[in-house]
Amino acid sequence: MKMAELLAQELADHTAVLEQTCIDCADPIVQIVAALVTCFQSGHKVLLCGNGGSAADAQHVAAEFVNRFKFERPALPAIALTVNTSNLTAISNDSSYNFVFSRQVEALAQPGDVLVGISTSGGAVNVLTALDAARAKGVNTIGFTGARGIEKMTGKCDLCIVIPAADTARIQEAHEFVWHIVCGEVERTLFRA
């Protein structure tokens, strides 16, 4: 396949997933924006976790909230549970990698906070365990996953974005798309409403 053909096919696949995401996820996106706005307005924080590309997404989203997205405004409290290497390595070494996020949830989360678990497959044990730990503490839970994650993840989440795709790249691209919408709407609602 020539590069031009490959690019055209990738773009067509990407566009199809985003179009279906806009149809399938419009209501959950509205609900997630509302949940995050309520969280921040009530003086609570957002915790985010994921592995690999989803870890990068967790860090990216935390940075959008803490710093800014589209305009200058006060910082919002958000923490990516993926960045403290001492916590990650101590918990992994002393216990299990399955608990690298749940132990941090136990330590940091309070009722009124939100935990966001990101897993393209929906099967990341450490993310699922963190969602369980959050629910046990009365913390609101939001999930971001793909089509294969419906059964494993949605039951552990108060709200869940399920991207209608099985391909990891398409899921990650759509997660990023949705997050940019969410971050923009949260920022606008809180500071320019």
C-alpha atoms as a PDB file:
ATOM      1  CA  MET A   1       0.000   0.000   0.000  1.00  0.00           C
ATOM      2  CA  LYS A   2       1.320   3.411  -0.922  1.00  0.00           C
ATOM      3  CA  MET A   3       1.733   6.013   1.796  1.00  0.00           C
ATOM      4  CA  ALA A   4      -1.015   8.221   0.348  1.00  0.00           C
ATOM      5  CA  GLU A   5      -3.418   5.269   0.443  1.00  0.00           C
ATOM      6  CA  LEU A   6      -2.369   4.379   3.978  1.00  0.00           C
ATOM      7  CA  LEU A   7      -2.888   7.955   5.151  1.00  0.00           C
ATOM      8  CA  ALA A   8      -6.303   8.114   3.482  1.00  0.00           C
ATOM      9  CA  GLN A   9      -7.369   4.846   5.131  1.00  0.00           C
ATOM     10  CA  GLU A  10      -6.091   5.908   8.568  1.00  0.00           C
ATOM     11  CA  LEU A  11      -7.879   9.249   8.256  1.00  0.00           C
ATOM     12  CA  ALA A  12     -11.103   7.539   7.195  1.00  0.00           C
ATOM     13  CA  ASP A  13     -10.909   5.147  10.174  1.00  0.00           C
ATOM     14  CA  HIS A  14     -10.095   8.017  12.554  1.00  0.00           C
ATOM     15  CA  THR A  15     -12.963  10.133  11.249  1.00  0.00           C
ATOM     16  CA  ALA A  16     -15.461   7.274  11.447  1.00  0.00           C
ATOM     17  CA  VAL A  17     -14.566   6.604  15.088  1.00  0.00           C
ATOM     18  CA  LEU A  18     -14.803  10.285  16.021  1.00  0.00           C
ATOM     19  CA  GLU A  19     -18.152  10.660  14.268  1.00  0.00           C
ATOM     20  CA  GLN A  20     -19.576   7.650  16.110  1.00  0.00           C
ATOM     21  CA  THR A  21     -18.057   8.873  19.378  1.00  0.00           C
ATOM     22  CA  CYS A  22     -19.902  12.181  18.956  1.00  0.00           C
ATOM     23  CA  ILE A  23     -23.158  10.263  18.557  1.00  0.00           C
ATOM     24  CA  ASP A  24     -22.606   7.687  21.312  1.00  0.00           C
ATOM     25  CA  CYS A  25     -20.904   9.851  23.927  1.00  0.00           C
ATOM     26  CA  ALA A  26     -22.687  13.214  23.792  1.00  0.00           C
ATOM     27  CA  ASP A  27     -24.771  12.571  26.920  1.00  0.00           C
ATOM     28  CA  PRO A  28     -21.916  11.086  28.997  1.00  0.00           C
ATOM     29  CA  ILE A  29     -19.692  14.028  28.023  1.00  0.00           C
ATOM     30  CA  VAL A  30     -22.308  16.489  29.316  1.00  0.00           C
ATOM     31  CA  GLN A  31     -22.601  14.467  32.533  1.00  0.00           C
ATOM     32  CA  ILE A  32     -18.811  14.276  32.988  1.00  0.00           C
ATOM     33  CA  VAL A  33     -18.457  18.035  32.527  1.00  0.00           C
ATOM     34  CA  ALA A  34     -21.170  18.563  35.147  1.00  0.00           C
ATOM     35  CA  ALA A  35     -19.530  16.116  37.575  1.00  0.00           C
ATOM     36  CA  LEU A  36     -16.126  17.778  37.226  1.00  0.00           C
ATOM     37  CA  VAL A  37     -17.585  21.261  37.588  1.00  0.00           C
ATOM     38  CA  THR A  38     -19.374  20.172  40.773  1.00  0.00           C
ATOM     39  CA  CYS A  39     -16.163  18.580  42.061  1.00  0.00           C
ATOM     40  CA  PHE A  40     -14.104  21.719  41.522  1.00  0.00           C
ATOM     41  CA  GLN A  41     -16.819  24.118  42.721  1.00  0.00           C
ATOM     42  CA  SER A  42     -17.080  22.216  45.996  1.00  0.00           C
ATOM     43  CA  GLY A  43     -13.349  22.471  46.643  1.00  0.00           C
ATOM     44  CA  HIS A  44     -12.495  18.888  45.765  1.00  0.00           C
ATOM     45  CA  LYS A  45      -9.890  17.388  43.439  1.00  0.00           C
ATOM     46  CA  VAL A  46      -9.600  15.085  40.454  1.00  0.00           C
ATOM     47  CA  LEU A  47      -7.272  12.089  40.512  1.00  0.00           C
ATOM     48  CA  LEU A  48      -6.378  10.377  37.237  1.00  0.00           C
ATOM     49  CA  CYS A  49      -4.699   7.059  36.443  1.00  0.00           C
ATOM     50  CA  GLY A  50      -3.824   4.808  33.518  1.00  0.00           C
ATOM     51  CA  ASN A  51      -0.958   2.825  32.005  1.00  0.00           C
ATOM     52  CA  GLY A  52       1.233   3.573  29.004  1.00  0.00           C
ATOM     53  CA  GLY A  53      -0.539   5.970  26.647  1.00  0.00           C
ATOM     54  CA  SER A  54      -3.339   6.252  29.181  1.00  0.00           C
ATOM     55  CA  ALA A  55      -0.782   7.334  31.796  1.00  0.00           C
ATOM     56  CA  ALA A  56       0.286  10.061  29.392  1.00  0.00           C
ATOM     57  CA  ASP A  57      -3.371  11.053  28.983  1.00  0.00           C
ATOM     58  CA  ALA A  58      -3.789  11.203  32.774  1.00  0.00           C
ATOM     59  CA  GLN A  59      -0.801  13.534  33.024  1.00  0.00           C
ATOM     60  CA  HIS A  60      -1.948  15.635  30.083  1.00  0.00           C
ATOM     61  CA  VAL A  61      -5.432  16.145  31.534  1.00  0.00           C
ATOM     62  CA  ALA A  62      -4.086  16.940  35.004  1.00  0.00           C
ATOM     63  CA  ALA A  63      -1.855  19.584  33.427  1.00  0.00           C
ATOM     64  CA  GLU A  64      -4.775  21.108  31.510  1.00  0.00           C
ATOM     65  CA  PHE A  65      -6.682  21.533  34.779  1.00  0.00           C
ATOM     66  CA  VAL A  66      -3.786  22.699  36.944  1.00  0.00           C
ATOM     67  CA  ASN A  67      -2.291  25.115  34.418  1.00  0.00           C
ATOM     68  CA  ARG A  68      -4.835  26.282  31.857  1.00  0.00           C
ATOM     69  CA  PHE A  69      -6.541  25.082  28.706  1.00  0.00           C
ATOM     70  CA  LYS A  70      -7.799  27.885  26.479  1.00  0.00           C
ATOM     71  CA  PHE A  71      -7.361  30.955  28.664  1.00  0.00           C
ATOM     72  CA  GLU A  72      -5.740  32.219  31.844  1.00  0.00           C
ATOM     73  CA  ARG A  73      -7.675  31.391  35.002  1.00  0.00           C
ATOM     74  CA  PRO A  74      -7.099  30.067  38.546  1.00  0.00           C
ATOM     75  CA  ALA A  75      -5.565  26.596  38.851  1.00  0.00           C
ATOM     76  CA  LEU A  76      -7.806  23.585  39.397  1.00  0.00           C
ATOM     77  CA  PRO A  77      -6.696  20.707  41.668  1.00  0.00           C
ATOM     78  CA  ALA A  78      -5.901  17.620  39.604  1.00  0.00           C
ATOM     79  CA  ILE A  79      -3.304  14.921  40.236  1.00  0.00           C
ATOM     80  CA  ALA A  80      -2.046  12.216  37.889  1.00  0.00           C
ATOM     81  CA  LEU A  81      -1.340   9.170  40.051  1.00  0.00           C
ATOM     82  CA  THR A  82       1.202   8.054  37.454  1.00  0.00           C
ATOM     83  CA  VAL A  83       3.975  10.530  38.209  1.00  0.00           C
ATOM     84  CA  ASN A  84       5.337   9.778  41.668  1.00  0.00           C
ATOM     85  CA  THR A  85       8.039   7.229  40.919  1.00  0.00           C
ATOM     86  CA  SER A  86       8.738   6.590  44.596  1.00  0.00           C
ATOM     87  CA  ASN A  87       5.106   5.647  45.207  1.00  0.00           C
ATOM     88  CA  LEU A  88       4.907   3.567  42.034  1.00  0.00           C
ATOM     89  CA  THR A  89       8.102   1.635  42.688  1.00  0.00           C
ATOM     90  CA  ALA A  90       7.562   1.176  46.432  1.00  0.00           C
ATOM     91  CA  ILE A  91       4.037  -0.147  45.994  1.00  0.00           C
ATOM     92  CA  SER A  92       5.057  -2.361  43.069  1.00  0.00           C
ATOM     93  CA  ASN A  93       8.065  -3.720  44.920  1.00  0.00           C
ATOM     94  CA  ASP A  94       6.532  -4.154  48.364  1.00  0.00           C
ATOM     95  CA  SER A  95       3.082  -5.291  47.290  1.00  0.00           C
ATOM     96  CA  SER A  96       2.012  -5.563  43.655  1.00  0.00           C
ATOM     97  CA  TYR A  97       1.726  -3.392  40.572  1.00  0.00           C
ATOM     98  CA  ASN A  98      -2.006  -4.103  40.789  1.00  0.00           C
ATOM     99  CA  PHE A  99      -2.194  -1.687  43.734  1.00  0.00           C
ATOM    100  CA  VAL A 100      -0.063   1.230  42.469  1.00  0.00           C
ATOM    101  CA  PHE A 101      -3.125   3.424  42.017  1.00  0.00           C
ATOM    102  CA  SER A 102      -5.493   2.047  44.653  1.00  0.00           C
ATOM    103  CA  ARG A 103      -3.019   2.679  47.475  1.00  0.00           C
ATOM    104  CA  GLN A 104      -2.725   6.294  46.352  1.00  0.00           C
ATOM    105  CA  VAL A 105      -6.516   6.545  46.199  1.00  0.00           C
ATOM    106  CA  GLU A 106      -6.670   5.231  49.764  1.00  0.00           C
ATOM    107  CA  ALA A 107      -4.158   7.888  50.839  1.00  0.00           C
ATOM    108  CA  LEU A 108      -5.379  10.910  48.873  1.00  0.00           C
ATOM    109  CA  ALA A 109      -9.040  10.592  47.913  1.00  0.00           C
ATOM    110  CA  GLN A 110     -11.908  12.056  49.908  1.00  0.00           C
ATOM    111  CA  PRO A 111     -15.672  11.921  49.321  1.00  0.00           C
ATOM    112  CA  GLY A 112     -16.527  14.601  46.775  1.00  0.00           C
ATOM    113  CA  ASP A 113     -13.340  13.961  44.799  1.00  0.00           C
ATOM    114  CA  VAL A 114     -13.393  12.310  41.382  1.00  0.00           C
ATOM    115  CA  LEU A 115     -11.196   9.425  40.240  1.00  0.00           C
ATOM    116  CA  VAL A 116     -10.742   9.056  36.496  1.00  0.00           C
ATOM    117  CA  GLY A 117      -9.564   5.626  35.343  1.00  0.00           C
ATOM    118  CA  ILE A 118      -8.308   5.388  31.764  1.00  0.00           C
ATOM    119  CA  SER A 119      -7.849   1.984  30.106  1.00  0.00           C
ATOM    120  CA  THR A 120      -8.220   1.425  26.375  1.00  0.00           C
ATOM    121  CA  SER A 121      -8.947  -2.277  26.945  1.00  0.00           C
ATOM    122  CA  GLY A 122     -10.886  -1.775  30.153  1.00  0.00           C
ATOM    123  CA  GLY A 123      -8.862  -4.627  31.615  1.00  0.00           C
ATOM    124  CA  ALA A 124      -6.017  -2.860  33.430  1.00  0.00           C
ATOM    125  CA  VAL A 125      -6.157  -4.500  36.849  1.00  0.00           C
ATOM    126  CA  ASN A 126      -4.509  -1.560  38.615  1.00  0.00           C
ATOM    127  CA  VAL A 127      -7.055   0.868  37.151  1.00  0.00           C
ATOM    128  CA  LEU A 128      -9.982  -1.404  38.029  1.00  0.00           C
ATOM    129  CA  THR A 129      -8.625  -1.837  41.569  1.00  0.00           C
ATOM    130  CA  ALA A 130      -8.309   1.946  41.906  1.00  0.00           C
ATOM    131  CA  LEU A 131     -11.921   2.382  40.808  1.00  0.00           C
ATOM    132  CA  ASP A 132     -12.987  -0.140  43.467  1.00  0.00           C
ATOM    133  CA  ALA A 133     -10.951   1.692  46.115  1.00  0.00           C
ATOM    134  CA  ALA A 134     -12.505   5.000  45.095  1.00  0.00           C
ATOM    135  CA  ARG A 135     -16.038   3.664  45.339  1.00  0.00           C
ATOM    136  CA  ALA A 136     -15.275   2.197  48.763  1.00  0.00           C
ATOM    137  CA  LYS A 137     -14.314   5.721  49.912  1.00  0.00           C
ATOM    138  CA  GLY A 138     -17.400   7.387  48.420  1.00  0.00           C
ATOM    139  CA  VAL A 139     -15.416   8.967  45.594  1.00  0.00           C
ATOM    140  CA  ASN A 140     -17.116   9.579  42.247  1.00  0.00           C
ATOM    141  CA  THR A 141     -15.680   7.457  39.442  1.00  0.00           C
ATOM    142  CA  ILE A 142     -15.296   8.227  35.755  1.00  0.00           C
ATOM    143  CA  GLY A 143     -13.939   5.776  33.197  1.00  0.00           C
ATOM    144  CA  PHE A 144     -12.497   6.163  29.727  1.00  0.00           C
ATOM    145  CA  THR A 145     -12.240   2.943  27.721  1.00  0.00           C
ATOM    146  CA  GLY A 146     -12.855   1.306  24.348  1.00  0.00           C
ATOM    147  CA  ALA A 147     -15.423  -1.190  23.090  1.00  0.00           C
ATOM    148  CA  ARG A 148     -13.741  -4.157  24.808  1.00  0.00           C
ATOM    149  CA  GLY A 149     -13.929  -2.393  28.165  1.00  0.00           C
ATOM    150  CA  ILE A 150     -17.701  -2.194  28.437  1.00  0.00           C
ATOM    151  CA  GLU A 151     -18.174  -5.259  30.631  1.00  0.00           C
ATOM    152  CA  LYS A 152     -15.105  -4.814  32.817  1.00  0.00           C
ATOM    153  CA  MET A 153     -15.157  -1.082  33.376  1.00  0.00           C
ATOM    154  CA  THR A 154     -18.613   0.445  33.128  1.00  0.00           C
ATOM    155  CA  GLY A 155     -19.941  -1.304  36.235  1.00  0.00           C
ATOM    156  CA  LYS A 156     -17.137   0.241  38.300  1.00  0.00           C
ATOM    157  CA  CYS A 157     -17.817   3.778  37.075  1.00  0.00           C
ATOM    158  CA  ASP A 158     -20.502   6.322  37.823  1.00  0.00           C
ATOM    159  CA  LEU A 159     -19.918   7.686  34.318  1.00  0.00           C
ATOM    160  CA  CYS A 160     -17.994   6.085  31.477  1.00  0.00           C
ATOM    161  CA  ILE A 161     -16.881   7.102  28.015  1.00  0.00           C
ATOM    162  CA  VAL A 162     -16.785   4.024  25.796  1.00  0.00           C
ATOM    163  CA  ILE A 163     -15.152   4.717  22.466  1.00  0.00           C
ATOM    164  CA  PRO A 164     -16.814   2.598  19.753  1.00  0.00           C
ATOM    165  CA  ALA A 165     -13.581   0.994  18.546  1.00  0.00           C
ATOM    166  CA  ALA A 166     -11.302  -1.928  19.354  1.00  0.00           C
ATOM    167  CA  ASP A 167      -8.104  -0.478  17.868  1.00  0.00           C
ATOM    168  CA  THR A 168      -5.911   1.071  20.576  1.00  0.00           C
ATOM    169  CA  ALA A 169      -4.740   3.968  18.401  1.00  0.00           C
ATOM    170  CA  ARG A 170      -8.293   4.972  17.469  1.00  0.00           C
ATOM    171  CA  ILE A 171      -9.403   4.717  21.121  1.00  0.00           C
ATOM    172  CA  GLN A 172      -6.526   6.901  22.312  1.00  0.00           C
ATOM    173  CA  GLU A 173      -7.173   9.489  19.609  1.00  0.00           C
ATOM    174  CA  ALA A 174     -10.840   9.650  20.540  1.00  0.00           C
ATOM    175  CA  HIS A 175     -10.032   9.873  24.261  1.00  0.00           C
ATOM    176  CA  GLU A 176      -7.851  12.888  23.519  1.00  0.00           C
ATOM    177  CA  PHE A 177     -10.636  14.452  21.441  1.00  0.00           C
ATOM    178  CA  VAL A 178     -13.195  13.959  24.220  1.00  0.00           C
ATOM    179  CA  TRP A 179     -10.815  15.244  26.889  1.00  0.00           C
ATOM    180  CA  HIS A 180     -10.217  18.453  24.980  1.00  0.00           C
ATOM    181  CA  ILE A 181     -13.967  19.020  24.816  1.00  0.00           C
ATOM    182  CA  VAL A 182     -14.353  18.224  28.528  1.00  0.00           C
ATOM    183  CA  CYS A 183     -11.456  20.443  29.612  1.00  0.00           C
ATOM    184  CA  GLY A 184     -12.713  23.328  27.517  1.00  0.00           C
ATOM    185  CA  GLU A 185     -16.269  23.071  28.808  1.00  0.00           C
ATOM    186  CA  VAL A 186     -15.197  22.722  32.447  1.00  0.00           C
ATOM    187  CA  GLU A 187     -12.973  25.779  32.125  1.00  0.00           C
ATOM    188  CA  ARG A 188     -15.628  27.838  30.344  1.00  0.00           C
ATOM    189  CA  THR A 189     -18.377  26.844  32.797  1.00  0.00           C
ATOM    190  CA  LEU A 190     -16.312  27.637  35.871  1.00  0.00           C
ATOM    191  CA  PHE A 191     -14.728  30.878  34.740  1.00  0.00           C
ATOM    192  CA  ARG A 192     -16.773  32.355  31.904  1.00  0.00           C
ATOM    193  CA  ALA A 193     -20.310  31.195  32.627  1.00  0.00           C
END
